[in-house]
Amino acid sequence: MGICGSFILFLNTFKFDNNKYFNFFIAVIAKFLPIDIYDSEATKFQIREGGILPPFNSIQGMGNAAAQSIVDA
């Protein structure tokens, strides 16, 4: 699975708030892609060729229901 795959599992199962390991990974290892209106999922991070594609609910203030509404539209 590799480090990126393991980190995606971590992202999808762990609620973090200013976590030092997460911040280190972001600063040193990971490249996050911008949220894509057509490809992002509601609540799951995805591994893509160019980096990690965040879900809609990673937008500050957006809940799961609103994120799901965007995906369903």
C-alpha atoms as a PDB file:
ATOM      1  CA  MET A   1       0.000   0.000   0.000  1.00  0.00           C
ATOM      2  CA  GLY A   2       2.852   2.398   0.703  1.00  0.00           C
ATOM      3  CA  ILE A   3       3.027   5.490   2.854  1.00  0.00           C
ATOM      4  CA  CYS A   4       0.476   7.468   0.824  1.00  0.00           C
ATOM      5  CA  GLY A   5      -2.090   4.688   0.922  1.00  0.00           C
ATOM      6  CA  SER A   6      -1.610   4.281   4.656  1.00  0.00           C
ATOM      7  CA  PHE A   7      -1.939   8.010   5.154  1.00  0.00           C
ATOM      8  CA  ILE A   8      -5.193   8.079   3.164  1.00  0.00           C
ATOM      9  CA  LEU A   9      -6.603   5.388   5.469  1.00  0.00           C
ATOM     10  CA  PHE A  10      -5.508   7.545   8.397  1.00  0.00           C
ATOM     11  CA  LEU A  11      -7.140  10.659   6.914  1.00  0.00           C
ATOM     12  CA  ASN A  12     -10.407   8.867   6.251  1.00  0.00           C
ATOM     13  CA  THR A  13     -10.691   7.410   9.765  1.00  0.00           C
ATOM     14  CA  PHE A  14      -9.115  10.003  12.072  1.00  0.00           C
ATOM     15  CA  LYS A  15     -10.519  13.388  13.062  1.00  0.00           C
ATOM     16  CA  PHE A  16      -7.591  15.693  13.597  1.00  0.00           C
ATOM     17  CA  ASP A  17      -7.215  19.227  14.893  1.00  0.00           C
ATOM     18  CA  ASN A  18      -3.748  20.732  14.655  1.00  0.00           C
ATOM     19  CA  ASN A  19      -2.148  17.277  14.881  1.00  0.00           C
ATOM     20  CA  LYS A  20       1.660  17.568  14.791  1.00  0.00           C
ATOM     21  CA  TYR A  21       2.151  14.375  12.742  1.00  0.00           C
ATOM     22  CA  PHE A  22      -0.428  15.477  10.189  1.00  0.00           C
ATOM     23  CA  ASN A  23       1.195  18.911   9.914  1.00  0.00           C
ATOM     24  CA  PHE A  24       4.629  17.320   9.444  1.00  0.00           C
ATOM     25  CA  PHE A  25       3.332  15.033   6.695  1.00  0.00           C
ATOM     26  CA  ILE A  26       1.707  17.949   4.893  1.00  0.00           C
ATOM     27  CA  ALA A  27       4.794  20.141   5.158  1.00  0.00           C
ATOM     28  CA  VAL A  28       7.360  17.537   4.170  1.00  0.00           C
ATOM     29  CA  ILE A  29       5.812  14.698   2.202  1.00  0.00           C
ATOM     30  CA  ALA A  30       2.307  15.259   0.851  1.00  0.00           C
ATOM     31  CA  LYS A  31       1.073  17.335  -2.026  1.00  0.00           C
ATOM     32  CA  PHE A  32      -2.595  18.216  -1.851  1.00  0.00           C
ATOM     33  CA  LEU A  33      -4.516  18.966  -5.001  1.00  0.00           C
ATOM     34  CA  PRO A  34      -7.253  21.595  -5.045  1.00  0.00           C
ATOM     35  CA  ILE A  35     -10.792  20.353  -4.444  1.00  0.00           C
ATOM     36  CA  ASP A  36     -12.359  19.380  -7.758  1.00  0.00           C
ATOM     37  CA  ILE A  37     -16.082  20.029  -8.219  1.00  0.00           C
ATOM     38  CA  TYR A  38     -16.362  16.965 -10.498  1.00  0.00           C
ATOM     39  CA  ASP A  39     -13.986  14.450  -8.887  1.00  0.00           C
ATOM     40  CA  SER A  40     -13.876  15.127  -5.125  1.00  0.00           C
ATOM     41  CA  GLU A  41     -15.973  12.891  -2.906  1.00  0.00           C
ATOM     42  CA  ALA A  42     -18.103  14.083  -0.012  1.00  0.00           C
ATOM     43  CA  THR A  43     -16.066  12.655   2.880  1.00  0.00           C
ATOM     44  CA  LYS A  44     -13.164  10.553   1.544  1.00  0.00           C
ATOM     45  CA  PHE A  45      -9.646  11.605   0.565  1.00  0.00           C
ATOM     46  CA  GLN A  46      -8.401  10.046  -2.695  1.00  0.00           C
ATOM     47  CA  ILE A  47      -4.944   9.262  -4.041  1.00  0.00           C
ATOM     48  CA  ARG A  48      -4.433  10.759  -7.496  1.00  0.00           C
ATOM     49  CA  GLU A  49      -1.414  10.818  -9.781  1.00  0.00           C
ATOM     50  CA  GLY A  50      -0.434  14.358  -8.803  1.00  0.00           C
ATOM     51  CA  GLY A  51      -1.166  14.123  -5.075  1.00  0.00           C
ATOM     52  CA  ILE A  52      -4.023  13.763  -2.597  1.00  0.00           C
ATOM     53  CA  LEU A  53      -7.491  14.983  -3.587  1.00  0.00           C
ATOM     54  CA  PRO A  54      -9.387  16.252  -0.536  1.00  0.00           C
ATOM     55  CA  PRO A  55     -13.133  15.765  -0.006  1.00  0.00           C
ATOM     56  CA  PHE A  56     -15.685  18.566   0.147  1.00  0.00           C
ATOM     57  CA  ASN A  57     -16.101  18.243   3.914  1.00  0.00           C
ATOM     58  CA  SER A  58     -12.464  19.298   4.339  1.00  0.00           C
ATOM     59  CA  ILE A  59     -13.598  22.851   3.555  1.00  0.00           C
ATOM     60  CA  GLN A  60     -13.784  24.729   6.840  1.00  0.00           C
ATOM     61  CA  GLY A  61     -17.390  24.990   8.024  1.00  0.00           C
ATOM     62  CA  MET A  62     -18.806  22.437   5.550  1.00  0.00           C
ATOM     63  CA  GLY A  63     -20.548  19.481   7.126  1.00  0.00           C
ATOM     64  CA  ASN A  64     -21.054  16.001   5.754  1.00  0.00           C
ATOM     65  CA  ALA A  65     -24.651  16.653   4.668  1.00  0.00           C
ATOM     66  CA  ALA A  66     -23.713  19.743   2.644  1.00  0.00           C
ATOM     67  CA  ALA A  67     -20.755  17.917   1.124  1.00  0.00           C
ATOM     68  CA  GLN A  68     -23.002  15.001   0.133  1.00  0.00           C
ATOM     69  CA  SER A  69     -25.494  17.434  -1.433  1.00  0.00           C
ATOM     70  CA  ILE A  70     -22.751  18.770  -3.703  1.00  0.00           C
ATOM     71  CA  VAL A  71     -21.782  15.265  -4.808  1.00  0.00           C
ATOM     72  CA  ASP A  72     -25.419  14.300  -5.411  1.00  0.00           C
ATOM     73  CA  ALA A  73     -26.157  17.411  -7.497  1.00  0.00           C
END
